[in-house]
Amino acid sequence: MQNSVAYSRFAKGAARFCGRPRTFVLAMAVVLLWLVTGPLFDFSNTWQLVINTGTTIITFLMVFLIQNTQNRDTEAIQVKLDELIRATQGAHNALLDLEELEEESLDAFKQRYQMLAAGARASLSAGEQDTGTPEP
């Protein structure tokens, strides 16, 4: 648990740092420095290997930081949506925590809401309103 908290703090800080314009400018400066040094090293294989290795390592590590950030953001959004469903009178509480369902159950819910949307569009085309609760 302690490692998870430490990683989460590190990932948040690193994502915040890497997403800033100054960090982008720093990365561009490194690339420009590498380009300028090309003639000094006769554009050798070692010179090329330095930038290739560096960018590969950074990209590899950033994938994990980005995934952590995306997971955290997605979970926060899902909790907020669950709270909106829970607090809305007439909302279907069966939709809470929907993202945890198996594919077949999720598809059944999706199909139900696609049918409701199709009915609402048909009503709209007929000049009726598409608001309200479709349940009797």
Protein backbone atom coordinates (compact mmCIF):
# COMPACT_ATOMS: atom_id res chain seq x y z
CA MET A 1 0.00 0.00 0.00
CA GLN A 2 2.83 2.39 0.87
CA ASN A 3 4.47 1.77 -2.53
CA SER A 4 1.18 2.49 -4.27
CA VAL A 5 0.80 5.84 -2.51
CA ALA A 6 4.42 6.77 -3.24
CA TYR A 7 4.04 5.82 -6.91
CA SER A 8 0.78 7.73 -7.18
CA ARG A 9 2.41 10.87 -5.75
CA PHE A 10 5.40 10.46 -8.03
CA ALA A 11 3.18 9.89 -11.09
CA LYS A 12 1.07 12.97 -10.30
CA GLY A 13 4.15 15.13 -9.86
CA ALA A 14 5.88 13.78 -12.95
CA ALA A 15 2.75 14.18 -15.08
CA ARG A 16 2.32 17.74 -13.83
CA PHE A 17 5.99 18.52 -14.54
CA CYS A 18 6.04 16.88 -17.98
CA GLY A 19 2.85 18.61 -19.07
CA ARG A 20 4.23 22.11 -18.61
CA PRO A 21 5.41 24.29 -21.49
CA ARG A 22 8.84 24.70 -19.87
CA THR A 23 9.39 20.96 -19.99
CA PHE A 24 8.51 20.91 -23.69
CA VAL A 25 10.95 23.76 -24.30
CA LEU A 26 13.62 21.84 -22.35
CA ALA A 27 13.01 18.75 -24.50
CA MET A 28 13.24 20.85 -27.66
CA ALA A 29 16.50 22.36 -26.38
CA VAL A 30 17.95 18.86 -25.86
CA VAL A 31 17.00 17.89 -29.42
CA LEU A 32 18.45 21.11 -30.82
CA LEU A 33 21.66 20.59 -28.82
CA TRP A 34 21.85 17.08 -30.21
CA LEU A 35 21.37 18.39 -33.76
CA VAL A 36 24.04 21.07 -33.32
CA THR A 37 26.55 18.49 -32.08
CA GLY A 38 26.01 16.34 -35.16
CA PRO A 39 28.89 17.85 -37.17
CA LEU A 40 31.19 17.56 -34.14
CA PHE A 41 30.63 13.82 -34.08
CA ASP A 42 30.47 13.44 -37.89
CA PHE A 43 26.85 12.33 -37.55
CA SER A 44 28.20 8.98 -36.33
CA ASN A 45 26.19 5.94 -35.33
CA THR A 46 27.01 6.65 -31.68
CA TRP A 47 25.69 10.19 -32.07
CA GLN A 48 22.42 8.80 -33.48
CA LEU A 49 22.27 6.08 -30.84
CA VAL A 50 22.37 8.67 -28.03
CA ILE A 51 19.14 10.39 -29.12
CA ASN A 52 17.44 7.13 -30.09
CA THR A 53 18.21 5.49 -26.76
CA GLY A 54 17.28 8.57 -24.75
CA THR A 55 13.95 9.11 -26.47
CA THR A 56 13.07 5.42 -26.31
CA ILE A 57 13.69 5.26 -22.56
CA ILE A 58 11.74 8.46 -21.90
CA THR A 59 8.85 7.30 -24.08
CA PHE A 60 8.76 3.89 -22.38
CA LEU A 61 8.58 5.46 -18.92
CA MET A 62 6.07 8.12 -19.94
CA VAL A 63 3.63 5.46 -21.17
CA PHE A 64 3.28 4.21 -17.58
CA LEU A 65 2.89 7.70 -16.15
CA ILE A 66 0.27 8.61 -18.74
CA GLN A 67 -1.63 5.36 -18.12
CA ASN A 68 -1.60 5.99 -14.36
CA THR A 69 -2.93 9.51 -14.89
CA GLN A 70 -5.62 8.29 -17.29
CA ASN A 71 -6.71 5.53 -14.88
CA ARG A 72 -6.95 7.97 -11.99
CA ASP A 73 -8.90 10.53 -14.05
CA THR A 74 -11.27 7.88 -15.38
CA GLU A 75 -11.97 6.52 -11.90
CA ALA A 76 -12.66 10.02 -10.57
CA ILE A 77 -15.07 10.74 -13.44
CA GLN A 78 -16.85 7.42 -12.88
CA VAL A 79 -17.31 8.16 -9.17
CA LYS A 80 -18.70 11.60 -10.01
CA LEU A 81 -21.09 10.12 -12.57
CA ASP A 82 -22.18 7.47 -10.05
CA GLU A 83 -22.93 10.23 -7.54
CA LEU A 84 -25.02 12.12 -10.11
CA ILE A 85 -27.00 8.97 -10.86
CA ARG A 86 -27.43 8.21 -7.16
CA ALA A 87 -28.59 11.73 -6.33
CA THR A 88 -30.97 12.14 -9.29
CA GLN A 89 -34.57 11.27 -8.51
CA GLY A 90 -35.91 8.76 -11.01
CA ALA A 91 -32.46 7.68 -12.20
CA HIS A 92 -31.74 3.98 -12.50
CA ASN A 93 -29.41 2.94 -9.69
CA ALA A 94 -28.59 -0.20 -11.68
CA LEU A 95 -26.40 2.08 -13.80
CA LEU A 96 -24.09 2.72 -10.85
CA ASP A 97 -20.64 1.19 -11.28
CA LEU A 98 -21.57 0.14 -14.81
CA GLU A 99 -17.93 0.11 -15.95
CA GLU A 100 -17.31 -2.94 -13.75
CA LEU A 101 -19.85 -5.15 -15.54
CA GLU A 102 -18.96 -7.95 -17.91
CA GLU A 103 -19.18 -7.24 -21.63
CA GLU A 104 -22.51 -9.05 -22.12
CA SER A 105 -24.25 -7.15 -19.32
CA LEU A 106 -22.84 -3.86 -20.52
CA ASP A 107 -24.04 -4.63 -24.07
CA ALA A 108 -27.57 -5.31 -22.76
CA PHE A 109 -27.66 -1.90 -21.06
CA LYS A 110 -26.24 -0.25 -24.16
CA GLN A 111 -28.84 -1.90 -26.40
CA ARG A 112 -31.65 -0.73 -24.08
CA TYR A 113 -30.42 2.87 -24.24
CA GLN A 114 -29.92 2.69 -28.01
CA MET A 115 -33.58 1.67 -28.33
CA LEU A 116 -34.63 4.58 -26.08
CA ALA A 117 -32.55 6.97 -28.22
CA ALA A 118 -34.10 5.64 -31.44
CA GLY A 119 -37.59 6.09 -29.98
CA ALA A 120 -36.76 9.64 -28.88
CA ARG A 121 -35.45 10.50 -32.36
CA ALA A 122 -38.59 9.08 -33.95
CA SER A 123 -40.72 11.18 -31.60
CA LEU A 124 -38.67 14.24 -32.45
CA SER A 125 -39.11 13.58 -36.18
CA ALA A 126 -42.88 13.33 -35.59
CA GLY A 127 -42.85 16.79 -34.04
CA GLU A 128 -43.07 15.58 -30.46
CA GLN A 129 -40.71 16.43 -27.62
CA ASP A 130 -37.89 14.09 -26.74
CA THR A 131 -37.71 15.02 -23.07
CA GLY A 132 -39.05 13.28 -20.03
CA THR A 133 -38.88 9.80 -18.63
CA PRO A 134 -39.67 7.08 -21.18
CA GLU A 135 -40.83 4.59 -18.53
CA PRO A 136 -44.60 4.31 -17.97
